[in-house]
Structures are given as structure tokens and as C-alpha cells.
Amino acid sequence: DYSNTKKLDYILKDEVIIDKQFNDKVKYIIEIDKEKI
């Protein structure tokens, strides 16, 4: 949900965000280290 984007952006600050789409919900496509899942 849009209300969680600030928190998620903070968690993902060091990750590669391939794409971010804004529709009914916010959709992130990312690359993340297995140890950080």
C-alpha cells in the first residue's frame, strides 16, 4: 500500500530497484542479497 512506501524505501535504500510502479498499490521489482531477504 502507498502508506508503506516510506518504510519500504528505507529498507531498500542499499538495494537495486529495477522498477517502481504506481497503480492501486505500489509495485517494486528489486535485486536483493539472499542474506537480506
PDB file of all heavy atoms in Angstrom:
ATOM      1  N   ASP A   1       0.844  -1.192   0.000  1.00  0.00           N
ATOM      2  CA  ASP A   1       0.000   0.000   0.000  1.00  0.00           C
ATOM      3  C   ASP A   1       0.881   1.244   0.000  1.00  0.00           C
ATOM      4  O   ASP A   1       2.020   1.218   0.464  1.00  0.00           O
ATOM      5  CB  ASP A   1      -0.884   0.015   1.264  1.00  0.00           C
ATOM      6  CG  ASP A   1      -1.895  -1.115   1.265  1.00  0.00           C
ATOM      7  OD1 ASP A   1      -2.433  -1.443   0.187  1.00  0.00           O
ATOM      8  OD2 ASP A   1      -2.129  -1.680   2.350  1.00  0.00           O
ATOM      9  N   TYR A   2       0.324   2.339  -0.472  1.00  0.00           N
ATOM     10  CA  TYR A   2       1.056   3.602  -0.518  1.00  0.00           C
ATOM     11  C   TYR A   2       1.569   4.015   0.859  1.00  0.00           C
ATOM     12  O   TYR A   2       2.629   4.608   0.984  1.00  0.00           O
ATOM     13  CB  TYR A   2       0.174   4.713  -1.106  1.00  0.00           C
ATOM     14  CG  TYR A   2       0.086   4.649  -2.607  1.00  0.00           C
ATOM     15  CD1 TYR A   2      -0.804   3.799  -3.245  1.00  0.00           C
ATOM     16  CD2 TYR A   2       0.908   5.444  -3.408  1.00  0.00           C
ATOM     17  CE1 TYR A   2      -0.879   3.738  -4.623  1.00  0.00           C
ATOM     18  CE2 TYR A   2       0.854   5.391  -4.788  1.00  0.00           C
ATOM     19  CZ  TYR A   2      -0.049   4.541  -5.390  1.00  0.00           C
ATOM     20  OH  TYR A   2      -0.107   4.474  -6.756  1.00  0.00           O
ATOM     21  N   SER A   3       0.828   3.662   1.904  1.00  0.00           N
ATOM     22  CA  SER A   3       1.204   4.060   3.265  1.00  0.00           C
ATOM     23  C   SER A   3       2.521   3.402   3.726  1.00  0.00           C
ATOM     24  O   SER A   3       3.152   3.876   4.659  1.00  0.00           O
ATOM     25  CB  SER A   3       0.085   3.711   4.244  1.00  0.00           C
ATOM     26  OG  SER A   3      -0.180   2.320   4.217  1.00  0.00           O
ATOM     27  N   ASN A   4       2.931   2.321   3.069  1.00  0.00           N
ATOM     28  CA  ASN A   4       4.158   1.618   3.465  1.00  0.00           C
ATOM     29  C   ASN A   4       5.389   2.007   2.640  1.00  0.00           C
ATOM     30  O   ASN A   4       6.482   1.495   2.891  1.00  0.00           O
ATOM     31  CB  ASN A   4       3.951   0.104   3.322  1.00  0.00           C
ATOM     32  CG  ASN A   4       2.944  -0.446   4.296  1.00  0.00           C
ATOM     33  OD1 ASN A   4       2.827   0.048   5.416  1.00  0.00           O
ATOM     34  ND2 ASN A   4       2.213  -1.449   3.873  1.00  0.00           N
ATOM     35  N   THR A   5       5.239   2.904   1.667  1.00  0.00           N
ATOM     36  CA  THR A   5       6.351   3.166   0.748  1.00  0.00           C
ATOM     37  C   THR A   5       7.557   3.806   1.433  1.00  0.00           C
ATOM     38  O   THR A   5       8.689   3.460   1.100  1.00  0.00           O
ATOM     39  CB  THR A   5       5.913   4.018  -0.464  1.00  0.00           C
ATOM     40  OG1 THR A   5       5.372   5.240   0.011  1.00  0.00           O
ATOM     41  CG2 THR A   5       4.934   3.272  -1.340  1.00  0.00           C
ATOM     42  N   LYS A   6       7.328   4.715   2.383  1.00  0.00           N
ATOM     43  CA  LYS A   6       8.473   5.343   3.057  1.00  0.00           C
ATOM     44  C   LYS A   6       9.297   4.311   3.801  1.00  0.00           C
ATOM     45  O   LYS A   6      10.529   4.305   3.732  1.00  0.00           O
ATOM     46  CB  LYS A   6       8.014   6.436   4.030  1.00  0.00           C
ATOM     47  CG  LYS A   6       7.844   7.778   3.392  1.00  0.00           C
ATOM     48  CD  LYS A   6       7.624   8.849   4.426  1.00  0.00           C
ATOM     49  CE  LYS A   6       7.531  10.192   3.739  1.00  0.00           C
ATOM     50  NZ  LYS A   6       7.321  11.286   4.643  1.00  0.00           N
ATOM     51  N   LYS A   7       8.615   3.434   4.529  1.00  0.00           N
ATOM     52  CA  LYS A   7       9.308   2.395   5.285  1.00  0.00           C
ATOM     53  C   LYS A   7      10.048   1.446   4.332  1.00  0.00           C
ATOM     54  O   LYS A   7      11.212   1.108   4.566  1.00  0.00           O
ATOM     55  CB  LYS A   7       8.304   1.615   6.137  1.00  0.00           C
ATOM     56  CG  LYS A   7       8.961   0.586   7.023  1.00  0.00           C
ATOM     57  CD  LYS A   7       7.952  -0.051   7.951  1.00  0.00           C
ATOM     58  CE  LYS A   7       8.666  -0.934   8.943  1.00  0.00           C
ATOM     59  NZ  LYS A   7       7.761  -1.498   9.922  1.00  0.00           N
ATOM     60  N   LEU A   8       9.381   1.038   3.245  1.00  0.00           N
ATOM     61  CA  LEU A   8       9.995   0.125   2.296  1.00  0.00           C
ATOM     62  C   LEU A   8      11.167   0.794   1.570  1.00  0.00           C
ATOM     63  O   LEU A   8      12.221   0.185   1.373  1.00  0.00           O
ATOM     64  CB  LEU A   8       8.963  -0.391   1.289  1.00  0.00           C
ATOM     65  CG  LEU A   8       9.433  -1.500   0.359  1.00  0.00           C
ATOM     66  CD1 LEU A   8      10.014  -2.689   1.125  1.00  0.00           C
ATOM     67  CD2 LEU A   8       8.290  -1.961  -0.533  1.00  0.00           C
ATOM     68  N   ASP A   9      11.020   2.058   1.210  1.00  0.00           N
ATOM     69  CA  ASP A   9      12.131   2.790   0.581  1.00  0.00           C
ATOM     70  C   ASP A   9      13.343   2.824   1.513  1.00  0.00           C
ATOM     71  O   ASP A   9      14.482   2.689   1.058  1.00  0.00           O
ATOM     72  CB  ASP A   9      11.721   4.228   0.223  1.00  0.00           C
ATOM     73  CG  ASP A   9      10.850   4.297  -1.014  1.00  0.00           C
ATOM     74  OD1 ASP A   9      10.867   3.346  -1.821  1.00  0.00           O
ATOM     75  OD2 ASP A   9      10.160   5.315  -1.176  1.00  0.00           O
ATOM     76  N   TYR A  10      13.104   2.979   2.805  1.00  0.00           N
ATOM     77  CA  TYR A  10      14.204   2.995   3.769  1.00  0.00           C
ATOM     78  C   TYR A  10      14.887   1.624   3.827  1.00  0.00           C
ATOM     79  O   TYR A  10      16.117   1.533   3.805  1.00  0.00           O
ATOM     80  CB  TYR A  10      13.718   3.402   5.165  1.00  0.00           C
ATOM     81  CG  TYR A  10      14.831   3.387   6.178  1.00  0.00           C
ATOM     82  CD1 TYR A  10      15.769   4.416   6.210  1.00  0.00           C
ATOM     83  CD2 TYR A  10      14.966   2.330   7.070  1.00  0.00           C
ATOM     84  CE1 TYR A  10      16.823   4.391   7.120  1.00  0.00           C
ATOM     85  CE2 TYR A  10      16.016   2.299   7.986  1.00  0.00           C
ATOM     86  CZ  TYR A  10      16.939   3.334   8.005  1.00  0.00           C
ATOM     87  OH  TYR A  10      17.979   3.302   8.887  1.00  0.00           O
ATOM     88  N   ILE A  11      14.101   0.557   3.888  1.00  0.00           N
ATOM     89  CA  ILE A  11      14.649  -0.803   3.936  1.00  0.00           C
ATOM     90  C   ILE A  11      15.456  -1.109   2.670  1.00  0.00           C
ATOM     91  O   ILE A  11      16.491  -1.767   2.715  1.00  0.00           O
ATOM     92  CB  ILE A  11      13.518  -1.847   4.131  1.00  0.00           C
ATOM     93  CG1 ILE A  11      12.923  -1.698   5.546  1.00  0.00           C
ATOM     94  CG2 ILE A  11      14.004  -3.266   3.878  1.00  0.00           C
ATOM     95  CD1 ILE A  11      11.660  -2.501   5.778  1.00  0.00           C
ATOM     96  N   LEU A  12      14.992  -0.577   1.538  1.00  0.00           N
ATOM     97  CA  LEU A  12      15.624  -0.877   0.245  1.00  0.00           C
ATOM     98  C   LEU A  12      16.684   0.145  -0.179  1.00  0.00           C
ATOM     99  O   LEU A  12      17.174   0.095  -1.301  1.00  0.00           O
ATOM    100  CB  LEU A  12      14.553  -0.957  -0.849  1.00  0.00           C
ATOM    101  CG  LEU A  12      13.487  -2.034  -0.673  1.00  0.00           C
ATOM    102  CD1 LEU A  12      12.443  -1.924  -1.775  1.00  0.00           C
ATOM    103  CD2 LEU A  12      14.108  -3.421  -0.639  1.00  0.00           C
ATOM    104  N   LYS A  13      17.051   1.039   0.720  1.00  0.00           N
ATOM    105  CA  LYS A  13      17.954   2.144   0.335  1.00  0.00           C
ATOM    106  C   LYS A  13      19.279   1.681  -0.255  1.00  0.00           C
ATOM    107  O   LYS A  13      19.865   2.369  -1.074  1.00  0.00           O
ATOM    108  CB  LYS A  13      18.177   3.099   1.502  1.00  0.00           C
ATOM    109  CG  LYS A  13      19.023   2.552   2.635  1.00  0.00           C
ATOM    110  CD  LYS A  13      19.144   3.549   3.768  1.00  0.00           C
ATOM    111  CE  LYS A  13      20.024   3.097   4.887  1.00  0.00           C
ATOM    112  NZ  LYS A  13      19.700   1.870   5.559  1.00  0.00           N
ATOM    113  N   ASP A  14      19.756   0.491   0.128  1.00  0.00           N
ATOM    114  CA  ASP A  14      21.021  -0.013  -0.392  1.00  0.00           C
ATOM    115  C   ASP A  14      20.849  -1.093  -1.459  1.00  0.00           C
ATOM    116  O   ASP A  14      21.828  -1.677  -1.914  1.00  0.00           O
ATOM    117  CB  ASP A  14      21.877  -0.588   0.749  1.00  0.00           C
ATOM    118  CG  ASP A  14      22.278   0.488   1.748  1.00  0.00           C
ATOM    119  OD1 ASP A  14      22.501   1.630   1.314  1.00  0.00           O
ATOM    120  OD2 ASP A  14      22.368   0.171   2.951  1.00  0.00           O
ATOM    121  N   GLU A  15      19.615  -1.360  -1.854  1.00  0.00           N
ATOM    122  CA  GLU A  15      19.345  -2.412  -2.845  1.00  0.00           C
ATOM    123  C   GLU A  15      19.127  -1.793  -4.227  1.00  0.00           C
ATOM    124  O   GLU A  15      18.873  -0.599  -4.356  1.00  0.00           O
ATOM    125  CB  GLU A  15      18.109  -3.228  -2.440  1.00  0.00           C
ATOM    126  CG  GLU A  15      18.152  -3.784  -1.030  1.00  0.00           C
ATOM    127  CD  GLU A  15      19.400  -4.606  -0.723  1.00  0.00           C
ATOM    128  OE1 GLU A  15      19.909  -5.296  -1.612  1.00  0.00           O
ATOM    129  OE2 GLU A  15      19.879  -4.542   0.429  1.00  0.00           O
ATOM    130  N   VAL A  16      19.208  -2.649  -5.244  1.00  0.00           N
ATOM    131  CA  VAL A  16      18.965  -2.207  -6.622  1.00  0.00           C
ATOM    132  C   VAL A  16      17.462  -2.289  -6.884  1.00  0.00           C
ATOM    133  O   VAL A  16      16.872  -3.366  -6.838  1.00  0.00           O
ATOM    134  CB  VAL A  16      19.733  -3.090  -7.630  1.00  0.00           C
ATOM    135  CG1 VAL A  16      19.361  -2.715  -9.056  1.00  0.00           C
ATOM    136  CG2 VAL A  16      21.222  -2.965  -7.402  1.00  0.00           C
ATOM    137  N   ILE A  17      16.860  -1.132  -7.144  1.00  0.00           N
ATOM    138  CA  ILE A  17      15.433  -1.091  -7.508  1.00  0.00           C
ATOM    139  C   ILE A  17      15.380  -1.022  -9.031  1.00  0.00           C
ATOM    140  O   ILE A  17      15.765  -0.023  -9.632  1.00  0.00           O
ATOM    141  CB  ILE A  17      14.712   0.095  -6.855  1.00  0.00           C
ATOM    142  CG1 ILE A  17      14.782  -0.029  -5.329  1.00  0.00           C
ATOM    143  CG2 ILE A  17      13.260   0.160  -7.340  1.00  0.00           C
ATOM    144  CD1 ILE A  17      14.219   1.159  -4.568  1.00  0.00           C
ATOM    145  N   ILE A  18      14.928  -2.108  -9.645  1.00  0.00           N
ATOM    146  CA  ILE A  18      14.877  -2.195 -11.105  1.00  0.00           C
ATOM    147  C   ILE A  18      13.715  -1.371 -11.638  1.00  0.00           C
ATOM    148  O   ILE A  18      13.836  -0.680 -12.646  1.00  0.00           O
ATOM    149  CB  ILE A  18      14.731  -3.666 -11.553  1.00  0.00           C
ATOM    150  CG1 ILE A  18      15.955  -4.467 -11.084  1.00  0.00           C
ATOM    151  CG2 ILE A  18      14.560  -3.767 -13.062  1.00  0.00           C
ATOM    152  CD1 ILE A  18      15.789  -5.964 -11.214  1.00  0.00           C
ATOM    153  N   ASP A  19      12.575  -1.446 -10.936  1.00  0.00           N
ATOM    154  CA  ASP A  19      11.382  -0.724 -11.393  1.00  0.00           C
ATOM    155  C   ASP A  19      10.475  -0.455 -10.198  1.00  0.00           C
ATOM    156  O   ASP A  19      10.468  -1.204  -9.224  1.00  0.00           O
ATOM    157  CB  ASP A  19      10.637  -1.574 -12.442  1.00  0.00           C
ATOM    158  CG  ASP A  19       9.558  -0.793 -13.183  1.00  0.00           C
ATOM    159  OD1 ASP A  19       9.633   0.454 -13.225  1.00  0.00           O
ATOM    160  OD2 ASP A  19       8.646  -1.432 -13.736  1.00  0.00           O
ATOM    161  N   LYS A  20       9.712   0.632 -10.310  1.00  0.00           N
ATOM    162  CA  LYS A  20       8.759   1.011  -9.272  1.00  0.00           C
ATOM    163  C   LYS A  20       7.522   1.529 -10.003  1.00  0.00           C
ATOM    164  O   LYS A  20       7.613   2.493 -10.768  1.00  0.00           O
ATOM    165  CB  LYS A  20       9.380   2.093  -8.386  1.00  0.00           C
ATOM    166  CG  LYS A  20       8.684   2.365  -7.094  1.00  0.00           C
ATOM    167  CD  LYS A  20       9.577   3.301  -6.277  1.00  0.00           C
ATOM    168  CE  LYS A  20       8.968   3.749  -5.004  1.00  0.00           C
ATOM    169  NZ  LYS A  20       9.831   4.690  -4.280  1.00  0.00           N
ATOM    170  N   GLN A  21       6.365   0.868  -9.786  1.00  0.00           N
ATOM    171  CA  GLN A  21       5.140   1.224 -10.497  1.00  0.00           C
ATOM    172  C   GLN A  21       4.060   1.625  -9.499  1.00  0.00           C
ATOM    173  O   GLN A  21       3.920   1.012  -8.450  1.00  0.00           O
ATOM    174  CB  GLN A  21       4.651   0.033 -11.336  1.00  0.00           C
ATOM    175  CG  GLN A  21       5.660  -0.435 -12.354  1.00  0.00           C
ATOM    176  CD  GLN A  21       5.282  -1.786 -12.960  1.00  0.00           C
ATOM    177  OE1 GLN A  21       4.215  -2.330 -12.694  1.00  0.00           O
ATOM    178  NE2 GLN A  21       6.177  -2.334 -13.766  1.00  0.00           N
ATOM    179  N   PHE A  22       3.316   2.652  -9.882  1.00  0.00           N
ATOM    180  CA  PHE A  22       2.261   3.176  -9.010  1.00  0.00           C
ATOM    181  C   PHE A  22       0.903   2.929  -9.667  1.00  0.00           C
ATOM    182  O   PHE A  22       0.570   3.566 -10.658  1.00  0.00           O
ATOM    183  CB  PHE A  22       2.477   4.674  -8.765  1.00  0.00           C
ATOM    184  CG  PHE A  22       3.784   4.988  -8.093  1.00  0.00           C
ATOM    185  CD1 PHE A  22       4.924   5.246  -8.841  1.00  0.00           C
ATOM    186  CD2 PHE A  22       3.889   5.006  -6.716  1.00  0.00           C
ATOM    187  CE1 PHE A  22       6.126   5.531  -8.230  1.00  0.00           C
ATOM    188  CE2 PHE A  22       5.094   5.283  -6.090  1.00  0.00           C
ATOM    189  CZ  PHE A  22       6.215   5.550  -6.849  1.00  0.00           C
ATOM    190  N   ASN A  23       0.133   1.988  -9.085  1.00  0.00           N
ATOM    191  CA  ASN A  23      -1.232   1.714  -9.547  1.00  0.00           C
ATOM    192  C   ASN A  23      -2.131   1.688  -8.309  1.00  0.00           C
ATOM    193  O   ASN A  23      -2.009   2.567  -7.478  1.00  0.00           O
ATOM    194  CB  ASN A  23      -1.272   0.400 -10.337  1.00  0.00           C
ATOM    195  CG  ASN A  23      -0.482   0.498 -11.640  1.00  0.00           C
ATOM    196  OD1 ASN A  23      -0.700   1.413 -12.424  1.00  0.00           O
ATOM    197  ND2 ASN A  23       0.458  -0.423 -11.857  1.00  0.00           N
ATOM    198  N   ASP A  24      -2.988   0.681  -8.177  1.00  0.00           N
ATOM    199  CA  ASP A  24      -3.782   0.557  -6.952  1.00  0.00           C
ATOM    200  C   ASP A  24      -2.856   0.387  -5.747  1.00  0.00           C
ATOM    201  O   ASP A  24      -3.154   0.860  -4.662  1.00  0.00           O
ATOM    202  CB  ASP A  24      -4.722  -0.650  -7.027  1.00  0.00           C
ATOM    203  CG  ASP A  24      -5.787  -0.493  -8.107  1.00  0.00           C
ATOM    204  OD1 ASP A  24      -5.994   0.651  -8.574  1.00  0.00           O
ATOM    205  OD2 ASP A  24      -6.389  -1.513  -8.484  1.00  0.00           O
ATOM    206  N   LYS A  25      -1.770  -0.316  -5.981  1.00  0.00           N
ATOM    207  CA  LYS A  25      -0.727  -0.492  -4.980  1.00  0.00           C
ATOM    208  C   LYS A  25       0.595  -0.086  -5.612  1.00  0.00           C
ATOM    209  O   LYS A  25       0.682   0.131  -6.810  1.00  0.00           O
ATOM    210  CB  LYS A  25      -0.660  -1.955  -4.529  1.00  0.00           C
ATOM    211  CG  LYS A  25      -1.888  -2.388  -3.747  1.00  0.00           C
ATOM    212  CD  LYS A  25      -1.701  -3.786  -3.190  1.00  0.00           C
ATOM    213  CE  LYS A  25      -2.881  -4.117  -2.316  1.00  0.00           C
ATOM    214  NZ  LYS A  25      -2.496  -4.580  -1.012  1.00  0.00           N
ATOM    215  N   VAL A  26       1.625  -0.002  -4.792  1.00  0.00           N
ATOM    216  CA  VAL A  26       2.963   0.295  -5.311  1.00  0.00           C
ATOM    217  C   VAL A  26       3.679  -1.038  -5.518  1.00  0.00           C
ATOM    218  O   VAL A  26       3.689  -1.890  -4.631  1.00  0.00           O
ATOM    219  CB  VAL A  26       3.772   1.180  -4.335  1.00  0.00           C
ATOM    220  CG1 VAL A  26       5.134   1.498  -4.939  1.00  0.00           C
ATOM    221  CG2 VAL A  26       3.016   2.457  -4.009  1.00  0.00           C
ATOM    222  N   LYS A  27       4.227  -1.205  -6.714  1.00  0.00           N
ATOM    223  CA  LYS A  27       4.912  -2.451  -7.062  1.00  0.00           C
ATOM    224  C   LYS A  27       6.395  -2.155  -7.281  1.00  0.00           C
ATOM    225  O   LYS A  27       6.752  -1.300  -8.081  1.00  0.00           O
ATOM    226  CB  LYS A  27       4.308  -3.041  -8.333  1.00  0.00           C
ATOM    227  CG  LYS A  27       4.934  -4.324  -8.795  1.00  0.00           C
ATOM    228  CD  LYS A  27       4.214  -4.833 -10.041  1.00  0.00           C
ATOM    229  CE  LYS A  27       4.870  -6.064 -10.604  1.00  0.00           C
ATOM    230  NZ  LYS A  27       4.158  -6.505 -11.826  1.00  0.00           N
ATOM    231  N   TYR A  28       7.244  -2.856  -6.538  1.00  0.00           N
ATOM    232  CA  TYR A  28       8.691  -2.731  -6.657  1.00  0.00           C
ATOM    233  C   TYR A  28       9.219  -4.016  -7.300  1.00  0.00           C
ATOM    234  O   TYR A  28       8.779  -5.111  -6.945  1.00  0.00           O
ATOM    235  CB  TYR A  28       9.357  -2.634  -5.289  1.00  0.00           C
ATOM    236  CG  TYR A  28       9.096  -1.389  -4.499  1.00  0.00           C
ATOM    237  CD1 TYR A  28       7.884  -1.170  -3.854  1.00  0.00           C
ATOM    238  CD2 TYR A  28      10.098  -0.438  -4.327  1.00  0.00           C
ATOM    239  CE1 TYR A  28       7.662  -0.040  -3.087  1.00  0.00           C
ATOM    240  CE2 TYR A  28       9.884   0.695  -3.555  1.00  0.00           C
ATOM    241  CZ  TYR A  28       8.668   0.884  -2.948  1.00  0.00           C
ATOM    242  OH  TYR A  28       8.454   2.005  -2.181  1.00  0.00           O
ATOM    243  N   ILE A  29      10.189  -3.872  -8.186  1.00  0.00           N
ATOM    244  CA  ILE A  29      10.955  -5.015  -8.675  1.00  0.00           C
ATOM    245  C   ILE A  29      12.396  -4.722  -8.280  1.00  0.00           C
ATOM    246  O   ILE A  29      12.948  -3.684  -8.656  1.00  0.00           O
ATOM    247  CB  ILE A  29      10.808  -5.204 -10.196  1.00  0.00           C
ATOM    248  CG1 ILE A  29       9.327  -5.403 -10.553  1.00  0.00           C
ATOM    249  CG2 ILE A  29      11.660  -6.384 -10.675  1.00  0.00           C
ATOM    250  CD1 ILE A  29       9.045  -5.426 -12.035  1.00  0.00           C
ATOM    251  N   ILE A  30      12.958  -5.619  -7.475  1.00  0.00           N
ATOM    252  CA  ILE A  30      14.283  -5.346  -6.888  1.00  0.00           C
ATOM    253  C   ILE A  30      15.214  -6.542  -7.033  1.00  0.00           C
ATOM    254  O   ILE A  30      14.776  -7.661  -7.313  1.00  0.00           O
ATOM    255  CB  ILE A  30      14.171  -4.979  -5.392  1.00  0.00           C
ATOM    256  CG1 ILE A  30      13.677  -6.181  -4.577  1.00  0.00           C
ATOM    257  CG2 ILE A  30      13.266  -3.790  -5.183  1.00  0.00           C
ATOM    258  CD1 ILE A  30      13.956  -6.076  -3.096  1.00  0.00           C
ATOM    259  N   GLU A  31      16.505  -6.269  -6.788  1.00  0.00           N
ATOM    260  CA  GLU A  31      17.502  -7.316  -6.603  1.00  0.00           C
ATOM    261  C   GLU A  31      17.966  -7.208  -5.163  1.00  0.00           C
ATOM    262  O   GLU A  31      18.267  -6.115  -4.687  1.00  0.00           O
ATOM    263  CB  GLU A  31      18.702  -7.103  -7.535  1.00  0.00           C
ATOM    264  CG  GLU A  31      18.368  -7.279  -8.989  1.00  0.00           C
ATOM    265  CD  GLU A  31      19.549  -7.011  -9.910  1.00  0.00           C
ATOM    266  OE1 GLU A  31      20.604  -6.515  -9.427  1.00  0.00           O
ATOM    267  OE2 GLU A  31      19.415  -7.281 -11.104  1.00  0.00           O
ATOM    268  N   ILE A  32      18.013  -8.354  -4.466  1.00  0.00           N
ATOM    269  CA  ILE A  32      18.400  -8.336  -3.056  1.00  0.00           C
ATOM    270  C   ILE A  32      19.270  -9.549  -2.729  1.00  0.00           C
ATOM    271  O   ILE A  32      19.052 -10.645  -3.257  1.00  0.00           O
ATOM    272  CB  ILE A  32      17.149  -8.272  -2.135  1.00  0.00           C
ATOM    273  CG1 ILE A  32      17.536  -7.991  -0.684  1.00  0.00           C
ATOM    274  CG2 ILE A  32      16.291  -9.513  -2.280  1.00  0.00           C
ATOM    275  CD1 ILE A  32      16.359  -7.595   0.203  1.00  0.00           C
ATOM    276  N   ASP A  33      20.249  -9.339  -1.882  1.00  0.00           N
ATOM    277  CA  ASP A  33      21.143 -10.380  -1.385  1.00  0.00           C
ATOM    278  C   ASP A  33      20.299 -11.430  -0.645  1.00  0.00           C
ATOM    279  O   ASP A  33      19.380 -11.088   0.104  1.00  0.00           O
ATOM    280  CB  ASP A  33      22.138  -9.708  -0.418  1.00  0.00           C
ATOM    281  CG  ASP A  33      23.235 -10.629   0.058  1.00  0.00           C
ATOM    282  OD1 ASP A  33      22.959 -11.794   0.396  1.00  0.00           O
ATOM    283  OD2 ASP A  33      24.389 -10.164   0.089  1.00  0.00           O
ATOM    284  N   LYS A  34      20.609 -12.714  -0.852  1.00  0.00           N
ATOM    285  CA  LYS A  34      19.871 -13.794  -0.180  1.00  0.00           C
ATOM    286  C   LYS A  34      19.850 -13.601   1.333  1.00  0.00           C
ATOM    287  O   LYS A  34      18.864 -13.907   1.994  1.00  0.00           O
ATOM    288  CB  LYS A  34      20.493 -15.156  -0.497  1.00  0.00           C
ATOM    289  CG  LYS A  34      19.977 -15.800  -1.732  1.00  0.00           C
ATOM    290  CD  LYS A  34      20.502 -17.225  -1.849  1.00  0.00           C
ATOM    291  CE  LYS A  34      19.898 -17.880  -3.075  1.00  0.00           C
ATOM    292  NZ  LYS A  34      20.307 -19.275  -3.205  1.00  0.00           N
ATOM    293  N   GLU A  35      20.951 -13.092   1.873  1.00  0.00           N
ATOM    294  CA  GLU A  35      21.045 -12.925   3.322  1.00  0.00           C
ATOM    295  C   GLU A  35      20.153 -11.802   3.841  1.00  0.00           C
ATOM    296  O   GLU A  35      19.916 -11.712   5.035  1.00  0.00           O
ATOM    297  CB  GLU A  35      22.500 -12.678   3.719  1.00  0.00           C
ATOM    298  CG  GLU A  35      23.383 -13.888   3.487  1.00  0.00           C
ATOM    299  CD  GLU A  35      24.825 -13.662   3.890  1.00  0.00           C
ATOM    300  OE1 GLU A  35      25.134 -12.624   4.498  1.00  0.00           O
ATOM    301  OE2 GLU A  35      25.641 -14.552   3.610  1.00  0.00           O
ATOM    302  N   LYS A  36      19.670 -10.941   2.948  1.00  0.00           N
ATOM    303  CA  LYS A  36      18.846  -9.809   3.389  1.00  0.00           C
ATOM    304  C   LYS A  36      17.358  -9.993   3.098  1.00  0.00           C
ATOM    305  O   LYS A  36      16.562  -9.107   3.366  1.00  0.00           O
ATOM    306  CB  LYS A  36      19.337  -8.529   2.702  1.00  0.00           C
ATOM    307  CG  LYS A  36      20.734  -8.126   3.108  1.00  0.00           C
ATOM    308  CD  LYS A  36      21.122  -6.833   2.436  1.00  0.00           C
ATOM    309  CE  LYS A  36      22.522  -6.431   2.808  1.00  0.00           C
ATOM    310  NZ  LYS A  36      22.935  -5.211   2.102  1.00  0.00           N
ATOM    311  N   ILE A  37      16.976 -11.153   2.575  1.00  0.00           N
ATOM    312  CA  ILE A  37      15.570 -11.380   2.203  1.00  0.00           C
ATOM    313  C   ILE A  37      14.650 -11.279   3.427  1.00  0.00           C
ATOM    314  O   ILE A  37      13.503 -10.841   3.318  1.00  0.00           O
ATOM    315  CB  ILE A  37      15.381 -12.718   1.453  1.00  0.00           C
ATOM    316  CG1 ILE A  37      14.014 -12.784   0.772  1.00  0.00           C
ATOM    317  CG2 ILE A  37      15.590 -13.900   2.349  1.00  0.00           C
ATOM    318  CD1 ILE A  37      13.882 -11.908  -0.441  1.00  0.00           C
TER     319      ILE A  37
END
